[in-house]
Amino acid sequence: MKAIDLRKLSDAELSEQIKELKDELFKLRFQAAVNQLENPMRISAVKKDIARVMTVQRDRALHGAEV
């Protein structure tokens, strides 16, 4: 997901997005542990998505919603 798309979401939607991404990351790590992971690059992609969402949240906390 791109940062431009994330900026259009509300704070509640961003929190829900982080929750879903962290749940997906947990499942991917579990699959990796039992050698059932099909695409190992998905783990890093999900980590980057989590970071993007958290960056947008932090930006809003510092500068407000108008940014």
C-alpha atoms as a PDB file:
ATOM      1  CA  MET A   1       0.000   0.000   0.000  1.00  0.00           C
ATOM      2  CA  LYS A   2       1.324   3.430  -0.875  1.00  0.00           C
ATOM      3  CA  ALA A   3       1.677   6.306   1.578  1.00  0.00           C
ATOM      4  CA  ILE A   4      -0.617   8.478  -0.557  1.00  0.00           C
ATOM      5  CA  ASP A   5      -3.406   5.941  -0.120  1.00  0.00           C
ATOM      6  CA  LEU A   6      -2.736   5.687   3.613  1.00  0.00           C
ATOM      7  CA  ARG A   7      -3.013   9.448   4.104  1.00  0.00           C
ATOM      8  CA  LYS A   8      -6.610   9.277   2.862  1.00  0.00           C
ATOM      9  CA  LEU A   9      -7.599   6.888   5.677  1.00  0.00           C
ATOM     10  CA  SER A  10      -8.884   7.982   9.080  1.00  0.00           C
ATOM     11  CA  ASP A  11      -6.993   7.370  12.318  1.00  0.00           C
ATOM     12  CA  ALA A  12      -9.255   4.450  13.231  1.00  0.00           C
ATOM     13  CA  GLU A  13      -8.746   2.876   9.818  1.00  0.00           C
ATOM     14  CA  LEU A  14      -4.969   3.240  10.176  1.00  0.00           C
ATOM     15  CA  SER A  15      -5.068   1.505  13.557  1.00  0.00           C
ATOM     16  CA  GLU A  16      -7.138  -1.306  12.068  1.00  0.00           C
ATOM     17  CA  GLN A  17      -4.698  -1.565   9.163  1.00  0.00           C
ATOM     18  CA  ILE A  18      -1.761  -1.963  11.572  1.00  0.00           C
ATOM     19  CA  LYS A  19      -3.648  -4.640  13.489  1.00  0.00           C
ATOM     20  CA  GLU A  20      -4.351  -6.596  10.294  1.00  0.00           C
ATOM     21  CA  LEU A  21      -0.770  -6.268   9.049  1.00  0.00           C
ATOM     22  CA  LYS A  22       0.705  -7.411  12.356  1.00  0.00           C
ATOM     23  CA  ASP A  23      -1.633 -10.402  12.344  1.00  0.00           C
ATOM     24  CA  GLU A  24      -0.536 -11.245   8.803  1.00  0.00           C
ATOM     25  CA  LEU A  25       3.127 -10.889   9.802  1.00  0.00           C
ATOM     26  CA  PHE A  26       2.589 -13.293  12.705  1.00  0.00           C
ATOM     27  CA  LYS A  27       1.023 -15.855  10.376  1.00  0.00           C
ATOM     28  CA  LEU A  28       3.837 -15.471   7.853  1.00  0.00           C
ATOM     29  CA  ARG A  29       6.487 -15.947  10.535  1.00  0.00           C
ATOM     30  CA  PHE A  30       4.688 -19.033  11.764  1.00  0.00           C
ATOM     31  CA  GLN A  31       4.590 -20.436   8.230  1.00  0.00           C
ATOM     32  CA  ALA A  32       8.301 -19.723   7.861  1.00  0.00           C
ATOM     33  CA  ALA A  33       9.027 -21.567  11.099  1.00  0.00           C
ATOM     34  CA  VAL A  34       7.293 -24.726   9.877  1.00  0.00           C
ATOM     35  CA  ASN A  35       8.730 -24.411   6.343  1.00  0.00           C
ATOM     36  CA  GLN A  36       5.389 -23.777   4.642  1.00  0.00           C
ATOM     37  CA  LEU A  37       6.043 -20.230   3.466  1.00  0.00           C
ATOM     38  CA  GLU A  38       5.638 -19.898  -0.298  1.00  0.00           C
ATOM     39  CA  ASN A  39       6.941 -16.348  -0.736  1.00  0.00           C
ATOM     40  CA  PRO A  40       9.612 -15.300   1.808  1.00  0.00           C
ATOM     41  CA  MET A  41       9.725 -11.760   0.384  1.00  0.00           C
ATOM     42  CA  ARG A  42       6.167 -11.210   1.639  1.00  0.00           C
ATOM     43  CA  ILE A  43       7.526 -10.903   5.203  1.00  0.00           C
ATOM     44  CA  SER A  44       9.679  -7.885   4.334  1.00  0.00           C
ATOM     45  CA  ALA A  45       6.846  -6.355   2.299  1.00  0.00           C
ATOM     46  CA  VAL A  46       4.474  -6.591   5.265  1.00  0.00           C
ATOM     47  CA  LYS A  47       7.115  -5.078   7.579  1.00  0.00           C
ATOM     48  CA  LYS A  48       7.505  -2.137   5.201  1.00  0.00           C
ATOM     49  CA  ASP A  49       3.720  -1.680   5.031  1.00  0.00           C
ATOM     50  CA  ILE A  50       3.582  -1.581   8.839  1.00  0.00           C
ATOM     51  CA  ALA A  51       6.339   1.041   8.850  1.00  0.00           C
ATOM     52  CA  ARG A  52       4.480   3.143   6.270  1.00  0.00           C
ATOM     53  CA  VAL A  53       1.296   3.130   8.329  1.00  0.00           C
ATOM     54  CA  MET A  54       3.181   3.984  11.505  1.00  0.00           C
ATOM     55  CA  THR A  55       4.980   6.817   9.697  1.00  0.00           C
ATOM     56  CA  VAL A  56       1.671   8.328   8.595  1.00  0.00           C
ATOM     57  CA  GLN A  57       0.334   8.035  12.149  1.00  0.00           C
ATOM     58  CA  ARG A  58       3.437   9.706  13.576  1.00  0.00           C
ATOM     59  CA  ASP A  59       3.254  12.480  10.987  1.00  0.00           C
ATOM     60  CA  ARG A  60      -0.343  13.165  11.991  1.00  0.00           C
ATOM     61  CA  ALA A  61       0.587  13.170  15.668  1.00  0.00           C
ATOM     62  CA  LEU A  62       3.305  15.751  15.101  1.00  0.00           C
ATOM     63  CA  HIS A  63       1.677  17.991  12.519  1.00  0.00           C
ATOM     64  CA  GLY A  64      -2.012  17.298  12.832  1.00  0.00           C
ATOM     65  CA  ALA A  65      -4.443  15.929  10.263  1.00  0.00           C
ATOM     66  CA  GLU A  66      -4.073  18.854   7.847  1.00  0.00           C
ATOM     67  CA  VAL A  67      -0.744  17.525   6.466  1.00  0.00           C
END
